[in-house]
Amino acid sequence: AHRQDSPSSLRADNMGKAGKGTGSFGKRHNKSHTLCVRCGKSSFHIQKKTCAACGYPSSRKRHYNWNPKGKRRNTTGTGRMSHLRSVHRRFRNQFREGTQAKSLKHGSTSA
């Protein structure tokens, strides 16, 4: 009924479903990745059960020397460092524990 050789009729028939462009985006409704419990990114592959960003559940964190910016983004110091923050201060005092600081209220030294 309609002509096959005109470009507009080809576009109307396919509706852009064949390629990977605009028409194909309507078909994308299945999620292959979900949130990772270790890095928090939406990179945990549901079927593989592996995170594409950090490598979870592997005990070694995923990082490569060919990506220096990626290493810089998630190295030590980019997070909270809730424990490591206090280690430097304790290191300067030789990790002393169980001692009491000398009181400076009653001047023991004559100035």
PDB file of N, CA and C in Angstrom:
ATOM      1  N   ALA A   1       0.823  -1.191   0.000  1.00  0.00           N
ATOM      2  CA  ALA A   1       0.000   0.000   0.000  1.00  0.00           C
ATOM      3  C   ALA A   1       0.866   1.254   0.000  1.00  0.00           C
ATOM      4  N   HIS A   2       1.953   1.259   0.803  1.00  0.00           N
ATOM      5  CA  HIS A   2       2.820   2.441   0.794  1.00  0.00           C
ATOM      6  C   HIS A   2       4.147   2.084   0.130  1.00  0.00           C
ATOM      7  N   ARG A   3       4.845   3.126  -0.279  1.00  0.00           N
ATOM      8  CA  ARG A   3       6.088   2.913  -1.011  1.00  0.00           C
ATOM      9  C   ARG A   3       7.218   2.587  -0.055  1.00  0.00           C
ATOM     10  N   GLN A   4       8.022   1.599  -0.412  1.00  0.00           N
ATOM     11  CA  GLN A   4       9.122   1.161   0.434  1.00  0.00           C
ATOM     12  C   GLN A   4      10.382   1.994   0.254  1.00  0.00           C
ATOM     13  N   ASP A   5      10.501   2.714  -0.875  1.00  0.00           N
ATOM     14  CA  ASP A   5      11.756   3.368  -1.174  1.00  0.00           C
ATOM     15  C   ASP A   5      11.897   4.745  -0.533  1.00  0.00           C
ATOM     16  N   SER A   6      10.820   5.328  -0.020  1.00  0.00           N
ATOM     17  CA  SER A   6      10.950   6.670   0.560  1.00  0.00           C
ATOM     18  C   SER A   6      11.531   6.576   1.970  1.00  0.00           C
ATOM     19  N   PRO A   7      12.484   7.457   2.318  1.00  0.00           N
ATOM     20  CA  PRO A   7      13.113   7.398   3.646  1.00  0.00           C
ATOM     21  C   PRO A   7      12.138   7.636   4.790  1.00  0.00           C
ATOM     22  N   SER A   8      11.114   8.455   4.556  1.00  0.00           N
ATOM     23  CA  SER A   8      10.174   8.735   5.639  1.00  0.00           C
ATOM     24  C   SER A   8       9.355   7.504   5.995  1.00  0.00           C
ATOM     25  N   SER A   9       9.025   6.687   4.984  1.00  0.00           N
ATOM     26  CA  SER A   9       8.241   5.493   5.274  1.00  0.00           C
ATOM     27  C   SER A   9       9.088   4.467   6.029  1.00  0.00           C
ATOM     28  N   LEU A  10      10.399   4.429   5.743  1.00  0.00           N
ATOM     29  CA  LEU A  10      11.267   3.519   6.482  1.00  0.00           C
ATOM     30  C   LEU A  10      11.339   3.925   7.941  1.00  0.00           C
ATOM     31  N   ARG A  11      11.415   5.218   8.181  1.00  0.00           N
ATOM     32  CA  ARG A  11      11.472   5.695   9.557  1.00  0.00           C
ATOM     33  C   ARG A  11      10.173   5.394  10.295  1.00  0.00           C
ATOM     34  N   ALA A  12       9.063   5.500   9.633  1.00  0.00           N
ATOM     35  CA  ALA A  12       7.773   5.255  10.273  1.00  0.00           C
ATOM     36  C   ALA A  12       7.600   3.775  10.610  1.00  0.00           C
ATOM     37  N   ASP A  13       8.107   2.893   9.738  1.00  0.00           N
ATOM     38  CA  ASP A  13       7.956   1.468   9.985  1.00  0.00           C
ATOM     39  C   ASP A  13       8.808   1.012  11.167  1.00  0.00           C
ATOM     40  N   ASN A  14      10.065   1.437  11.186  1.00  0.00           N
ATOM     41  CA  ASN A  14      10.973   0.960  12.230  1.00  0.00           C
ATOM     42  C   ASN A  14      10.754   1.678  13.553  1.00  0.00           C
ATOM     43  N   MET A  15      10.337   2.907  13.514  1.00  0.00           N
ATOM     44  CA  MET A  15      10.136   3.752  14.698  1.00  0.00           C
ATOM     45  C   MET A  15      11.413   3.851  15.534  1.00  0.00           C
ATOM     46  N   GLY A  16      12.567   3.677  14.861  1.00  0.00           N
ATOM     47  CA  GLY A  16      13.839   3.841  15.552  1.00  0.00           C
ATOM     48  C   GLY A  16      14.154   2.726  16.531  1.00  0.00           C
ATOM     49  N   LYS A  17      13.570   1.549  16.376  1.00  0.00           N
ATOM     50  CA  LYS A  17      13.808   0.463  17.330  1.00  0.00           C
ATOM     51  C   LYS A  17      15.063  -0.339  16.999  1.00  0.00           C
ATOM     52  N   ALA A  18      15.493  -0.264  15.743  1.00  0.00           N
ATOM     53  CA  ALA A  18      16.585  -1.128  15.309  1.00  0.00           C
ATOM     54  C   ALA A  18      17.926  -0.700  15.882  1.00  0.00           C
ATOM     55  N   GLY A  19      18.196   0.598  15.915  1.00  0.00           N
ATOM     56  CA  GLY A  19      19.496   1.079  16.371  1.00  0.00           C
ATOM     57  C   GLY A  19      19.563   1.173  17.877  1.00  0.00           C
ATOM     58  N   LYS A  20      20.591   1.873  18.360  1.00  0.00           N
ATOM     59  CA  LYS A  20      20.743   2.038  19.812  1.00  0.00           C
ATOM     60  C   LYS A  20      20.403   3.455  20.258  1.00  0.00           C
ATOM     61  N   GLY A  21      19.726   4.213  19.398  1.00  0.00           N
ATOM     62  CA  GLY A  21      19.430   5.609  19.678  1.00  0.00           C
ATOM     63  C   GLY A  21      18.114   5.811  20.399  1.00  0.00           C
ATOM     64  N   THR A  22      17.423   6.892  20.031  1.00  0.00           N
ATOM     65  CA  THR A  22      16.247   7.347  20.759  1.00  0.00           C
ATOM     66  C   THR A  22      15.155   6.283  20.870  1.00  0.00           C
ATOM     67  N   GLY A  23      14.862   5.617  19.767  1.00  0.00           N
ATOM     68  CA  GLY A  23      13.776   4.639  19.792  1.00  0.00           C
ATOM     69  C   GLY A  23      14.044   3.460  20.700  1.00  0.00           C
ATOM     70  N   SER A  24      15.311   3.121  20.879  1.00  0.00           N
ATOM     71  CA  SER A  24      15.644   1.955  21.702  1.00  0.00           C
ATOM     72  C   SER A  24      15.605   2.267  23.191  1.00  0.00           C
ATOM     73  N   PHE A  25      15.623   3.551  23.559  1.00  0.00           N
ATOM     74  CA  PHE A  25      15.631   3.888  24.980  1.00  0.00           C
ATOM     75  C   PHE A  25      14.314   3.538  25.654  1.00  0.00           C
ATOM     76  N   GLY A  26      13.230   3.424  24.874  1.00  0.00           N
ATOM     77  CA  GLY A  26      11.954   3.044  25.455  1.00  0.00           C
ATOM     78  C   GLY A  26      11.936   1.603  25.923  1.00  0.00           C
ATOM     79  N   LYS A  27      12.842   0.794  25.391  1.00  0.00           N
ATOM     80  CA  LYS A  27      12.882  -0.617  25.761  1.00  0.00           C
ATOM     81  C   LYS A  27      13.710  -0.867  27.013  1.00  0.00           C
ATOM     82  N   ARG A  28      14.422   0.142  27.493  1.00  0.00           N
ATOM     83  CA  ARG A  28      15.363  -0.067  28.607  1.00  0.00           C
ATOM     84  C   ARG A  28      14.632   0.074  29.943  1.00  0.00           C
ATOM     85  N   HIS A  29      14.225  -1.025  30.492  1.00  0.00           N
ATOM     86  CA  HIS A  29      13.535  -0.982  31.792  1.00  0.00           C
ATOM     87  C   HIS A  29      13.979  -2.101  32.725  1.00  0.00           C
ATOM     88  N   ASN A  30      15.027  -2.846  32.344  1.00  0.00           N
ATOM     89  CA  ASN A  30      15.566  -3.881  33.227  1.00  0.00           C
ATOM     90  C   ASN A  30      16.895  -3.407  33.780  1.00  0.00           C
ATOM     91  N   LYS A  31      17.084  -3.550  35.081  1.00  0.00           N
ATOM     92  CA  LYS A  31      18.310  -3.087  35.721  1.00  0.00           C
ATOM     93  C   LYS A  31      19.296  -4.242  35.850  1.00  0.00           C
ATOM     94  N   SER A  32      20.480  -4.048  35.295  1.00  0.00           N
ATOM     95  CA  SER A  32      21.521  -5.062  35.447  1.00  0.00           C
ATOM     96  C   SER A  32      22.361  -4.787  36.691  1.00  0.00           C
ATOM     97  N   HIS A  33      22.442  -3.515  37.119  1.00  0.00           N
ATOM     98  CA  HIS A  33      23.242  -3.146  38.284  1.00  0.00           C
ATOM     99  C   HIS A  33      22.356  -2.534  39.364  1.00  0.00           C
ATOM    100  N   THR A  34      22.741  -2.765  40.621  1.00  0.00           N
ATOM    101  CA  THR A  34      22.056  -2.155  41.753  1.00  0.00           C
ATOM    102  C   THR A  34      23.121  -1.647  42.719  1.00  0.00           C
ATOM    103  N   LEU A  35      22.705  -1.110  43.869  1.00  0.00           N
ATOM    104  CA  LEU A  35      23.645  -0.484  44.790  1.00  0.00           C
ATOM    105  C   LEU A  35      24.567  -1.509  45.445  1.00  0.00           C
ATOM    106  N   CYS A  36      25.832  -1.137  45.568  1.00  0.00           N
ATOM    107  CA  CYS A  36      26.826  -1.983  46.221  1.00  0.00           C
ATOM    108  C   CYS A  36      26.878  -1.616  47.697  1.00  0.00           C
ATOM    109  N   VAL A  37      26.987  -2.608  48.572  1.00  0.00           N
ATOM    110  CA  VAL A  37      26.994  -2.349  50.010  1.00  0.00           C
ATOM    111  C   VAL A  37      28.346  -1.812  50.473  1.00  0.00           C
ATOM    112  N   ARG A  38      29.424  -2.058  49.718  1.00  0.00           N
ATOM    113  CA  ARG A  38      30.746  -1.589  50.143  1.00  0.00           C
ATOM    114  C   ARG A  38      31.037  -0.178  49.645  1.00  0.00           C
ATOM    115  N   CYS A  39      30.852   0.091  48.350  1.00  0.00           N
ATOM    116  CA  CYS A  39      31.231   1.412  47.829  1.00  0.00           C
ATOM    117  C   CYS A  39      30.032   2.333  47.666  1.00  0.00           C
ATOM    118  N   GLY A  40      28.819   1.804  47.677  1.00  0.00           N
ATOM    119  CA  GLY A  40      27.636   2.648  47.598  1.00  0.00           C
ATOM    120  C   GLY A  40      27.237   3.041  46.190  1.00  0.00           C
ATOM    121  N   LYS A  41      28.022   2.674  45.199  1.00  0.00           N
ATOM    122  CA  LYS A  41      27.696   3.026  43.819  1.00  0.00           C
ATOM    123  C   LYS A  41      26.690   2.034  43.251  1.00  0.00           C
ATOM    124  N   SER A  42      26.015   2.444  42.201  1.00  0.00           N
ATOM    125  CA  SER A  42      25.058   1.559  41.530  1.00  0.00           C
ATOM    126  C   SER A  42      25.812   0.710  40.515  1.00  0.00           C
ATOM    127  N   SER A  43      26.747  -0.100  41.002  1.00  0.00           N
ATOM    128  CA  SER A  43      27.639  -0.859  40.130  1.00  0.00           C
ATOM    129  C   SER A  43      27.649  -2.348  40.454  1.00  0.00           C
ATOM    130  N   PHE A  44      26.783  -2.795  41.346  1.00  0.00           N
ATOM    131  CA  PHE A  44      26.756  -4.208  41.718  1.00  0.00           C
ATOM    132  C   PHE A  44      25.916  -4.966  40.709  1.00  0.00           C
ATOM    133  N   HIS A  45      26.549  -5.849  39.924  1.00  0.00           N
ATOM    134  CA  HIS A  45      25.845  -6.616  38.901  1.00  0.00           C
ATOM    135  C   HIS A  45      25.014  -7.711  39.564  1.00  0.00           C
ATOM    136  N   ILE A  46      23.731  -7.711  39.277  1.00  0.00           N
ATOM    137  CA  ILE A  46      22.809  -8.581  40.000  1.00  0.00           C
ATOM    138  C   ILE A  46      23.050 -10.046  39.655  1.00  0.00           C
ATOM    139  N   GLN A  47      23.287 -10.364  38.364  1.00  0.00           N
ATOM    140  CA  GLN A  47      23.478 -11.753  37.980  1.00  0.00           C
ATOM    141  C   GLN A  47      24.882 -12.244  38.311  1.00  0.00           C
ATOM    142  N   LYS A  48      25.882 -11.399  38.081  1.00  0.00           N
ATOM    143  CA  LYS A  48      27.259 -11.804  38.382  1.00  0.00           C
ATOM    144  C   LYS A  48      27.552 -11.766  39.871  1.00  0.00           C
ATOM    145  N   LYS A  49      26.756 -11.008  40.642  1.00  0.00           N
ATOM    146  CA  LYS A  49      26.971 -10.811  42.077  1.00  0.00           C
ATOM    147  C   LYS A  49      28.362 -10.210  42.350  1.00  0.00           C
ATOM    148  N   THR A  50      28.758  -9.260  41.513  1.00  0.00           N
ATOM    149  CA  THR A  50      30.061  -8.623  41.640  1.00  0.00           C
ATOM    150  C   THR A  50      29.905  -7.138  41.356  1.00  0.00           C
ATOM    151  N   CYS A  51      30.625  -6.317  42.113  1.00  0.00           N
ATOM    152  CA  CYS A  51      30.586  -4.876  41.890  1.00  0.00           C
ATOM    153  C   CYS A  51      31.600  -4.509  40.814  1.00  0.00           C
ATOM    154  N   ALA A  52      31.160  -3.733  39.832  1.00  0.00           N
ATOM    155  CA  ALA A  52      32.048  -3.322  38.747  1.00  0.00           C
ATOM    156  C   ALA A  52      32.984  -2.204  39.185  1.00  0.00           C
ATOM    157  N   ALA A  53      32.684  -1.521  40.281  1.00  0.00           N
ATOM    158  CA  ALA A  53      33.514  -0.400  40.720  1.00  0.00           C
ATOM    159  C   ALA A  53      34.561  -0.813  41.746  1.00  0.00           C
ATOM    160  N   CYS A  54      34.155  -1.571  42.769  1.00  0.00           N
ATOM    161  CA  CYS A  54      35.096  -1.883  43.850  1.00  0.00           C
ATOM    162  C   CYS A  54      35.468  -3.364  43.898  1.00  0.00           C
ATOM    163  N   GLY A  55      34.780  -4.223  43.150  1.00  0.00           N
ATOM    164  CA  GLY A  55      35.116  -5.639  43.114  1.00  0.00           C
ATOM    165  C   GLY A  55      34.483  -6.469  44.207  1.00  0.00           C
ATOM    166  N   TYR A  56      33.617  -5.872  45.037  1.00  0.00           N
ATOM    167  CA  TYR A  56      32.920  -6.618  46.082  1.00  0.00           C
ATOM    168  C   TYR A  56      32.210  -7.804  45.449  1.00  0.00           C
ATOM    169  N   PRO A  57      32.200  -9.003  46.035  1.00  0.00           N
ATOM    170  CA  PRO A  57      32.581  -9.405  47.380  1.00  0.00           C
ATOM    171  C   PRO A  57      34.038  -9.814  47.541  1.00  0.00           C
ATOM    172  N   SER A  58      34.892  -9.552  46.575  1.00  0.00           N
ATOM    173  CA  SER A  58      36.308  -9.856  46.722  1.00  0.00           C
ATOM    174  C   SER A  58      36.900  -9.049  47.870  1.00  0.00           C
ATOM    175  N   SER A  59      37.781  -9.664  48.638  1.00  0.00           N
ATOM    176  CA  SER A  59      38.338  -8.965  49.791  1.00  0.00           C
ATOM    177  C   SER A  59      39.287  -7.851  49.357  1.00  0.00           C
ATOM    178  N   ARG A  60      39.898  -7.992  48.178  1.00  0.00           N
ATOM    179  CA  ARG A  60      40.774  -6.940  47.664  1.00  0.00           C
ATOM    180  C   ARG A  60      39.953  -5.927  46.886  1.00  0.00           C
ATOM    181  N   LYS A  61      40.215  -4.662  47.150  1.00  0.00           N
ATOM    182  CA  LYS A  61      39.483  -3.610  46.473  1.00  0.00           C
ATOM    183  C   LYS A  61      39.975  -3.469  45.037  1.00  0.00           C
ATOM    184  N   ARG A  62      39.050  -3.234  44.125  1.00  0.00           N
ATOM    185  CA  ARG A  62      39.396  -3.150  42.712  1.00  0.00           C
ATOM    186  C   ARG A  62      40.052  -1.802  42.427  1.00  0.00           C
ATOM    187  N   HIS A  63      41.300  -1.823  41.961  1.00  0.00           N
ATOM    188  CA  HIS A  63      41.993  -0.617  41.494  1.00  0.00           C
ATOM    189  C   HIS A  63      43.082  -1.029  40.526  1.00  0.00           C
ATOM    190  N   TYR A  64      43.380  -0.146  39.593  1.00  0.00           N
ATOM    191  CA  TYR A  64      44.358  -0.451  38.556  1.00  0.00           C
ATOM    192  C   TYR A  64      45.331   0.699  38.394  1.00  0.00           C
ATOM    193  N   ASN A  65      46.580   0.360  38.083  1.00  0.00           N
ATOM    194  CA  ASN A  65      47.604   1.379  37.901  1.00  0.00           C
ATOM    195  C   ASN A  65      47.416   2.161  36.610  1.00  0.00           C
ATOM    196  N   TRP A  66      46.661   1.630  35.660  1.00  0.00           N
ATOM    197  CA  TRP A  66      46.429   2.377  34.429  1.00  0.00           C
ATOM    198  C   TRP A  66      45.382   3.469  34.619  1.00  0.00           C
ATOM    199  N   ASN A  67      44.809   3.559  35.809  1.00  0.00           N
ATOM    200  CA  ASN A  67      43.807   4.603  36.077  1.00  0.00           C
ATOM    201  C   ASN A  67      44.211   5.388  37.320  1.00  0.00           C
ATOM    202  N   PRO A  68      45.151   6.336  37.204  1.00  0.00           N
ATOM    203  CA  PRO A  68      45.589   7.071  38.395  1.00  0.00           C
ATOM    204  C   PRO A  68      44.503   7.982  38.969  1.00  0.00           C
ATOM    205  N   LYS A  69      43.639   8.519  38.113  1.00  0.00           N
ATOM    206  CA  LYS A  69      42.578   9.389  38.643  1.00  0.00           C
ATOM    207  C   LYS A  69      41.548   8.584  39.427  1.00  0.00           C
ATOM    208  N   GLY A  70      41.275   7.360  38.976  1.00  0.00           N
ATOM    209  CA  GLY A  70      40.352   6.502  39.708  1.00  0.00           C
ATOM    210  C   GLY A  70      40.902   6.116  41.071  1.00  0.00           C
ATOM    211  N   LYS A  71      42.224   5.899  41.135  1.00  0.00           N
ATOM    212  CA  LYS A  71      42.847   5.584  42.421  1.00  0.00           C
ATOM    213  C   LYS A  71      42.810   6.799  43.339  1.00  0.00           C
ATOM    214  N   ARG A  72      42.964   7.985  42.758  1.00  0.00           N
ATOM    215  CA  ARG A  72      42.970   9.217  43.541  1.00  0.00           C
ATOM    216  C   ARG A  72      41.590   9.504  44.137  1.00  0.00           C
ATOM    217  N   ARG A  73      40.540   9.094  43.423  1.00  0.00           N
ATOM    218  CA  ARG A  73      39.183   9.397  43.881  1.00  0.00           C
ATOM    219  C   ARG A  73      38.783   8.605  45.113  1.00  0.00           C
ATOM    220  N   ASN A  74      39.282   7.372  45.229  1.00  0.00           N
ATOM    221  CA  ASN A  74      38.863   6.553  46.368  1.00  0.00           C
ATOM    222  C   ASN A  74      40.046   5.909  47.073  1.00  0.00           C
ATOM    223  N   THR A  75      41.055   6.710  47.388  1.00  0.00           N
ATOM    224  CA  THR A  75      42.176   6.219  48.169  1.00  0.00           C
ATOM    225  C   THR A  75      42.005   6.659  49.616  1.00  0.00           C
ATOM    226  N   THR A  76      42.959   6.314  50.460  1.00  0.00           N
ATOM    227  CA  THR A  76      42.900   6.709  51.856  1.00  0.00           C
ATOM    228  C   THR A  76      42.959   8.229  51.963  1.00  0.00           C
ATOM    229  N   GLY A  77      42.033   8.801  52.706  1.00  0.00           N
ATOM    230  CA  GLY A  77      41.996  10.251  52.866  1.00  0.00           C
ATOM    231  C   GLY A  77      40.825  10.897  52.164  1.00  0.00           C
ATOM    232  N   THR A  78      40.129  10.147  51.289  1.00  0.00           N
ATOM    233  CA  THR A  78      38.976  10.718  50.612  1.00  0.00           C
ATOM    234  C   THR A  78      37.680  10.449  51.373  1.00  0.00           C
ATOM    235  N   GLY A  79      37.750   9.601  52.396  1.00  0.00           N
ATOM    236  CA  GLY A  79      36.559   9.290  53.182  1.00  0.00           C
ATOM    237  C   GLY A  79      36.631   9.916  54.562  1.00  0.00           C
ATOM    238  N   ARG A  80      35.955   9.311  55.528  1.00  0.00           N
ATOM    239  CA  ARG A  80      35.898   9.858  56.878  1.00  0.00           C
ATOM    240  C   ARG A  80      37.185   9.621  57.653  1.00  0.00           C
ATOM    241  N   MET A  81      37.831   8.496  57.421  1.00  0.00           N
ATOM    242  CA  MET A  81      39.024   8.096  58.166  1.00  0.00           C
ATOM    243  C   MET A  81      38.758   8.155  59.669  1.00  0.00           C
ATOM    244  N   SER A  82      37.646   7.571  60.115  1.00  0.00           N
ATOM    245  CA  SER A  82      37.204   7.736  61.496  1.00  0.00           C
ATOM    246  C   SER A  82      38.237   7.208  62.495  1.00  0.00           C
ATOM    247  N   HIS A  83      38.993   6.180  62.154  1.00  0.00           N
ATOM    248  CA  HIS A  83      40.021   5.676  63.056  1.00  0.00           C
ATOM    249  C   HIS A  83      41.389   6.264  62.725  1.00  0.00           C
ATOM    250  N   LEU A  84      41.733   6.285  61.438  1.00  0.00           N
ATOM    251  CA  LEU A  84      43.069   6.692  61.028  1.00  0.00           C
ATOM    252  C   LEU A  84      43.366   8.152  61.330  1.00  0.00           C
ATOM    253  N   ARG A  85      42.299   8.942  61.508  1.00  0.00           N
ATOM    254  CA  ARG A  85      42.469  10.366  61.808  1.00  0.00           C
ATOM    255  C   ARG A  85      43.189  10.564  63.140  1.00  0.00           C
ATOM    256  N   SER A  86      42.875   9.718  64.107  1.00  0.00           N
ATOM    257  CA  SER A  86      43.451   9.875  65.442  1.00  0.00           C
ATOM    258  C   SER A  86      44.802   9.181  65.593  1.00  0.00           C
ATOM    259  N   VAL A  87      45.172   8.339  64.631  1.00  0.00           N
ATOM    260  CA  VAL A  87      46.420   7.580  64.756  1.00  0.00           C
ATOM    261  C   VAL A  87      47.629   8.502  64.708  1.00  0.00           C
ATOM    262  N   HIS A  88      47.612   9.535  63.850  1.00  0.00           N
ATOM    263  CA  HIS A  88      48.764  10.430  63.722  1.00  0.00           C
ATOM    264  C   HIS A  88      49.022  11.182  65.024  1.00  0.00           C
ATOM    265  N   ARG A  89      47.967  11.618  65.671  1.00  0.00           N
ATOM    266  CA  ARG A  89      48.118  12.332  66.945  1.00  0.00           C
ATOM    267  C   ARG A  89      48.700  11.411  68.013  1.00  0.00           C
ATOM    268  N   ARG A  90      48.212  10.178  68.066  1.00  0.00           N
ATOM    269  CA  ARG A  90      48.735   9.234  69.052  1.00  0.00           C
ATOM    270  C   ARG A  90      50.164   8.819  68.727  1.00  0.00           C
ATOM    271  N   PHE A  91      50.523   8.811  67.440  1.00  0.00           N
ATOM    272  CA  PHE A  91      51.882   8.466  67.033  1.00  0.00           C
ATOM    273  C   PHE A  91      52.889   9.484  67.562  1.00  0.00           C
ATOM    274  N   ARG A  92      52.516  10.750  67.539  1.00  0.00           N
ATOM    275  CA  ARG A  92      53.430  11.794  68.021  1.00  0.00           C
ATOM    276  C   ARG A  92      53.711  11.643  69.506  1.00  0.00           C
ATOM    277  N   ASN A  93      52.808  11.005  70.242  1.00  0.00           N
ATOM    278  CA  ASN A  93      52.985  10.802  71.677  1.00  0.00           C
ATOM    279  C   ASN A  93      53.382   9.365  71.997  1.00  0.00           C
ATOM    280  N   GLN A  94      53.973   8.660  71.043  1.00  0.00           N
ATOM    281  CA  GLN A  94      54.437   7.285  71.206  1.00  0.00           C
ATOM    282  C   GLN A  94      53.335   6.336  71.678  1.00  0.00           C
ATOM    283  N   PHE A  95      52.115   6.563  71.286  1.00  0.00           N
ATOM    284  CA  PHE A  95      50.964   5.698  71.588  1.00  0.00           C
ATOM    285  C   PHE A  95      50.845   5.434  73.091  1.00  0.00           C
ATOM    286  N   ARG A  96      51.064   6.462  73.899  1.00  0.00           N
ATOM    287  CA  ARG A  96      50.957   6.295  75.359  1.00  0.00           C
ATOM    288  C   ARG A  96      49.489   6.105  75.736  1.00  0.00           C
ATOM    289  N   GLU A  97      49.266   5.293  76.768  1.00  0.00           N
ATOM    290  CA  GLU A  97      47.910   5.035  77.258  1.00  0.00           C
ATOM    291  C   GLU A  97      47.935   4.936  78.769  1.00  0.00           C
ATOM    292  N   GLY A  98      46.823   5.282  79.390  1.00  0.00           N
ATOM    293  CA  GLY A  98      46.661   5.107  80.831  1.00  0.00           C
ATOM    294  C   GLY A  98      47.443   6.091  81.680  1.00  0.00           C
ATOM    295  N   THR A  99      47.864   7.213  81.121  1.00  0.00           N
ATOM    296  CA  THR A  99      48.598   8.220  81.903  1.00  0.00           C
ATOM    297  C   THR A  99      47.743   9.455  82.063  1.00  0.00           C
ATOM    298  N   GLN A 100      48.092  10.272  83.027  1.00  0.00           N
ATOM    299  CA  GLN A 100      47.357  11.493  83.311  1.00  0.00           C
ATOM    300  C   GLN A 100      48.285  12.675  83.045  1.00  0.00           C
ATOM    301  N   ALA A 101      47.764  13.700  82.407  1.00  0.00           N
ATOM    302  CA  ALA A 101      48.575  14.883  82.136  1.00  0.00           C
ATOM    303  C   ALA A 101      48.854  15.623  83.432  1.00  0.00           C
ATOM    304  N   LYS A 102      50.066  16.193  83.525  1.00  0.00           N
ATOM    305  CA  LYS A 102      50.427  16.943  84.730  1.00  0.00           C
ATOM    306  C   LYS A 102      49.632  18.236  84.794  1.00  0.00           C
ATOM    307  N   SER A 103      49.143  18.550  85.979  1.00  0.00           N
ATOM    308  CA  SER A 103      48.326  19.735  86.152  1.00  0.00           C
ATOM    309  C   SER A 103      49.196  20.985  86.087  1.00  0.00           C
ATOM    310  N   LEU A 104      48.732  21.977  85.347  1.00  0.00           N
ATOM    311  CA  LEU A 104      49.446  23.234  85.237  1.00  0.00           C
ATOM    312  C   LEU A 104      48.788  24.338  86.064  1.00  0.00           C
ATOM    313  N   LYS A 105      47.763  23.972  86.893  1.00  0.00           N
ATOM    314  CA  LYS A 105      47.051  24.983  87.693  1.00  0.00           C
ATOM    315  C   LYS A 105      47.960  25.539  88.782  1.00  0.00           C
ATOM    316  N   HIS A 106      48.571  24.670  89.574  1.00  0.00           N
ATOM    317  CA  HIS A 106      49.473  25.105  90.620  1.00  0.00           C
ATOM    318  C   HIS A 106      50.863  25.159  90.030  1.00  0.00           C
ATOM    319  N   GLY A 107      51.338  26.373  89.777  1.00  0.00           N
ATOM    320  CA  GLY A 107      52.592  26.564  89.044  1.00  0.00           C
ATOM    321  C   GLY A 107      53.754  25.854  89.730  1.00  0.00           C
ATOM    322  N   SER A 108      54.164  24.743  89.164  1.00  0.00           N
ATOM    323  CA  SER A 108      55.284  23.989  89.733  1.00  0.00           C
ATOM    324  C   SER A 108      56.604  24.623  89.355  1.00  0.00           C
ATOM    325  N   THR A 109      56.620  25.369  88.246  1.00  0.00           N
ATOM    326  CA  THR A 109      57.851  26.042  87.851  1.00  0.00           C
ATOM    327  C   THR A 109      57.762  27.509  88.217  1.00  0.00           C
ATOM    328  N   SER A 110      58.857  28.081  88.714  1.00  0.00           N
ATOM    329  CA  SER A 110      58.885  29.493  89.089  1.00  0.00           C
ATOM    330  C   SER A 110      59.257  30.306  87.857  1.00  0.00           C
ATOM    331  N   ALA A 111      58.324  31.131  87.426  1.00  0.00           N
ATOM    332  CA  ALA A 111      58.576  31.913  86.215  1.00  0.00           C
ATOM    333  C   ALA A 111      58.879  33.363  86.539  1.00  0.00           C
TER     334      ALA A 111
END
